[in-house]
Protein backbone atom coordinates (compact mmCIF):
# COMPACT_ATOMS: atom_id res chain seq x y z
CA MET A 1 116.46 201.87 123.11
CA SER A 2 119.10 203.86 121.14
CA ASP A 3 119.67 206.43 123.95
CA ALA A 4 119.42 203.92 126.85
CA ARG A 5 121.86 204.31 129.74
CA LYS A 6 122.64 201.89 132.50
CA TYR A 7 121.58 202.93 136.11
CA THR A 8 121.79 201.50 139.60
CA ALA A 9 118.95 202.35 141.91
CA SER A 10 119.26 201.76 145.66
CA PHE A 11 116.14 201.68 147.85
CA VAL A 12 115.62 201.61 151.56
CA LEU A 13 112.39 199.84 152.53
CA ASP A 14 110.38 200.67 155.60
CA MET A 15 108.52 197.36 156.36
CA ARG A 16 106.80 198.60 159.46
CA GLY A 17 103.05 197.72 159.18
CA CYS A 18 103.64 196.12 155.79
CA THR A 19 102.19 192.66 155.23
CA ASP A 20 104.11 192.13 151.90
CA THR A 21 107.39 190.35 151.76
CA ALA A 22 110.69 192.02 150.60
CA ALA A 23 110.66 189.77 147.53
CA SER A 24 107.23 190.89 146.43
CA ILE A 25 108.19 194.54 146.84
CA ILE A 26 111.32 193.94 144.78
CA ASP A 27 109.14 192.39 142.09
CA ARG A 28 106.87 195.29 142.20
CA LEU A 29 109.74 197.81 141.89
CA SER A 30 111.13 195.78 138.94
CA GLY A 31 107.64 195.88 137.30
CA ILE A 32 107.47 199.64 137.68
CA ILE A 33 110.84 200.04 135.87
CA VAL A 34 109.67 197.71 133.11
CA ASP A 35 106.39 199.64 132.81
CA LEU A 36 108.32 202.85 132.37
CA GLY A 37 110.28 201.33 129.49
CA GLY A 38 113.35 200.07 131.24
CA GLN A 39 115.06 196.76 131.20
CA VAL A 40 115.95 195.16 134.57
CA SER A 41 119.30 193.16 134.59
CA SER A 42 119.52 192.41 138.33
CA ALA A 43 117.76 192.92 141.62
CA VAL A 44 119.49 192.23 144.91
CA ASN A 45 118.16 192.25 148.37
CA LEU A 46 121.17 193.51 150.56
CA GLY A 47 119.31 192.77 153.86
CA GLN A 48 118.44 194.67 156.93
CA LYS A 49 121.05 197.32 157.97
CA ASN A 50 121.23 199.82 160.69
CA PHE A 51 121.29 203.55 159.86
CA GLU A 52 124.49 205.46 160.80
CA ARG A 53 122.38 208.50 161.64
CA VAL A 54 118.96 207.76 163.02
CA THR A 55 116.46 210.60 162.54
CA ASP A 56 113.48 208.57 163.91
CA LYS A 57 114.11 206.35 167.02
CA LYS A 58 111.23 204.06 165.88
CA PHE A 59 112.96 203.50 162.52
CA SER A 60 116.61 202.77 163.10
CA SER A 61 117.11 200.21 160.32
CA GLY A 62 115.75 199.38 156.90
CA ILE A 63 116.02 196.75 154.14
CA TYR A 64 118.42 197.78 151.42
CA VAL A 65 117.57 196.81 147.80
CA GLN A 66 119.68 197.47 144.71
CA ILE A 67 118.30 197.23 141.20
CA SER A 68 120.44 197.55 138.00
CA PHE A 69 118.57 198.50 134.89
CA GLU A 70 118.84 200.19 131.44
CA GLY A 71 116.48 202.92 130.38
CA GLY A 72 115.95 206.23 128.59
CA PRO A 73 116.84 209.68 130.00
CA THR A 74 113.39 210.19 131.61
CA ILE A 75 113.17 207.00 133.46
CA VAL A 76 114.77 208.30 136.61
CA GLU A 77 112.21 211.11 137.10
CA GLY A 78 109.52 208.55 136.26
CA ILE A 79 110.54 206.10 139.04
CA LYS A 80 110.92 208.97 141.56
CA SER A 81 107.43 210.50 140.75
CA LYS A 82 105.75 207.07 140.76
CA LEU A 83 107.23 206.03 144.17
CA ARG A 84 107.03 209.49 145.73
CA LEU A 85 103.97 208.72 147.95
CA ASP A 86 104.72 205.05 148.54
CA LYS A 87 104.90 204.43 152.27
CA VAL A 88 107.15 201.38 152.00
CA ILE A 89 109.93 203.22 150.11
CA ASP A 90 111.86 205.35 152.54
CA ARG A 91 114.65 206.46 150.35
CA ILE A 92 115.63 206.39 146.79
CA LEU A 93 119.03 206.86 145.13
CA VAL A 94 119.43 206.39 141.39
CA GLU A 95 123.01 206.72 139.97
CA ALA A 96 124.24 206.29 136.36
CA ALA A 97 126.35 203.10 136.22
CA LYS A 98 129.95 203.53 135.20
């Protein structure tokens, strides 16, 4: 990985109707990053947090997860396209680490 960059991805999980645990979903997210050629350095479950601005009264809080990883320049788009239709992933934010 000569052109690898460091990233931090933040995910908000919508666990309504999901039978999986948050830990298994974090493992699945880490596996997706590895499958796309990335190298995960840490994955942290930040816990359940209430939203400041609620757009859906039935979904007022979510589980926040942060994953730090290294990868090439196309990995961010790969993650977003792979998880675009995943019902458990409500929001995704990927930032280049400083």
